[in-house]
Protein backbone atom coordinates (compact mmCIF):
# COMPACT_ATOMS: atom_id res chain seq x y z
CA MET A 1 18.14 3.51 -2.85
CA GLU A 2 17.82 5.85 0.12
CA LYS A 3 15.32 7.99 -1.82
CA VAL A 4 13.13 4.94 -2.47
CA LYS A 5 13.16 4.08 1.26
CA ASP A 6 12.18 7.67 2.07
CA ILE A 7 9.26 7.54 -0.38
CA LEU A 8 8.07 4.18 0.95
CA THR A 9 8.13 5.37 4.57
CA ASN A 10 6.12 8.46 3.69
CA LEU A 11 3.38 6.74 1.66
CA SER A 12 0.88 6.93 4.51
CA SER A 13 1.10 10.72 4.61
CA VAL A 14 0.55 11.23 0.87
CA SER A 15 -2.66 13.16 0.20
CA VAL A 16 -5.62 11.71 -1.65
CA GLY A 17 -5.25 14.40 -4.30
CA THR A 18 -1.70 13.23 -5.03
CA TRP A 19 -2.92 9.63 -5.51
CA VAL A 20 -5.75 10.75 -7.79
CA ARG A 21 -3.37 12.82 -9.93
CA LEU A 22 -0.95 9.87 -10.12
CA VAL A 23 -3.67 7.45 -11.27
CA LEU A 24 -5.05 9.91 -13.81
CA MET A 25 -1.56 10.61 -15.17
CA ALA A 26 -0.86 6.87 -15.46
CA VAL A 27 -4.13 6.26 -17.34
CA SER A 28 -3.46 9.17 -19.67
CA MET A 29 0.12 7.99 -20.39
CA ILE A 30 -1.10 4.44 -21.06
CA ASN A 31 -3.80 5.79 -23.39
CA LEU A 32 -1.21 7.93 -25.17
CA ALA A 33 1.09 4.95 -25.67
CA LEU A 34 -1.78 2.73 -26.87
CA THR A 35 -2.89 5.38 -29.36
CA ALA A 36 0.68 5.83 -30.60
CA VAL A 37 0.97 2.13 -31.49
CA GLY A 38 -2.47 2.01 -33.12
CA LYS A 39 -4.36 0.23 -30.33
CA PRO A 40 -7.68 1.46 -28.94
CA PRO A 41 -7.28 3.49 -25.73
CA ILE A 42 -8.65 2.39 -22.37
CA GLU A 43 -12.26 3.45 -22.07
CA LEU A 44 -13.01 4.36 -18.48
CA ASP A 45 -16.41 5.64 -17.52
CA ASN A 46 -17.14 6.62 -13.92
CA ASP A 47 -18.31 3.14 -12.92
CA LYS A 48 -15.24 1.38 -14.33
CA LEU A 49 -12.91 3.99 -12.84
CA TYR A 50 -14.57 3.56 -9.43
CA ILE A 51 -14.16 -0.23 -9.59
CA VAL A 52 -10.51 -0.04 -10.68
CA ILE A 53 -9.61 2.47 -7.96
CA SER A 54 -11.53 0.45 -5.36
CA ILE A 55 -9.67 -2.75 -6.28
CA ILE A 56 -6.28 -1.03 -6.20
CA PHE A 57 -7.11 0.67 -2.89
CA ALA A 58 -8.28 -2.61 -1.32
CA TRP A 59 -5.10 -4.44 -2.36
CA VAL A 60 -2.80 -1.64 -1.16
CA VAL A 61 -4.58 -1.33 2.19
CA GLY A 62 -4.60 -5.09 2.68
CA VAL A 63 -0.91 -5.54 1.89
CA VAL A 64 0.20 -2.53 3.96
CA ASN A 65 -1.87 -3.55 6.98
CA TYR A 66 -0.73 -7.15 6.85
CA TRP A 67 2.92 -6.17 6.47
CA LYS A 68 2.80 -3.45 9.12
CA ASN A 69 1.16 -5.60 11.78
CA ASN A 70 3.38 -8.65 11.40
CA SER A 71 7.10 -9.17 11.91
CA PHE A 72 8.57 -10.80 8.81
CA THR A 73 12.24 -9.93 9.10
CA SER A 74 14.59 -11.54 11.60
CA ALA A 75 15.36 -8.10 13.03
CA ALA A 76 11.67 -7.41 13.65
CA GLN A 77 11.18 -10.83 15.26
CA ALA A 78 14.21 -10.28 17.50
CA ALA A 79 12.82 -6.88 18.47
CA ASP A 80 9.48 -8.50 19.37
CA VAL A 81 11.26 -10.99 21.65
CA TYR A 82 13.32 -8.22 23.25
CA LEU A 83 10.25 -6.04 23.89
CA LYS A 84 8.39 -8.98 25.44
CA GLU A 85 11.37 -9.78 27.67
CA CYS A 86 11.51 -6.16 28.83
CA GLY A 87 7.77 -6.13 29.46
CA LEU A 88 7.21 -3.36 26.93
CA ALA A 89 5.04 -5.36 24.53
CA GLN A 90 1.64 -6.87 25.08
CA GLU A 91 0.80 -10.37 23.92
CA GLU A 92 -1.62 -10.66 21.00
CA SER A 93 -4.07 -13.38 20.13
CA LEU A 94 -4.15 -15.00 16.69
CA LEU A 95 -6.71 -12.39 15.65
CA GLY A 96 -4.41 -9.52 16.53
CA GLU A 97 -6.31 -8.58 19.69
CA GLU A 98 -4.36 -7.69 22.80
CA ILE A 99 -4.45 -10.21 25.65
CA LEU A 100 -4.53 -8.53 29.04
């Protein structure tokens, strides 16, 4: 479990090349499995590949940004209260902008 936490905390520093290789490997493994069971493989031309990668990228960025900028756990919410009490945190508006 510790290894999974380590990987998840380091996702932001993973290079673009690593992501591209991962996606290409996944597509090739899926195509291999589909061919092995007699199904037609996934046909990806450049336009379809661009759309698929764009959709995946948009979802990942959206989820990561929403999660990172909001306190969901009770520990994170308690930390927010503590930082505000100590004067170390700035208030934010509903749009995420800092209020001076």
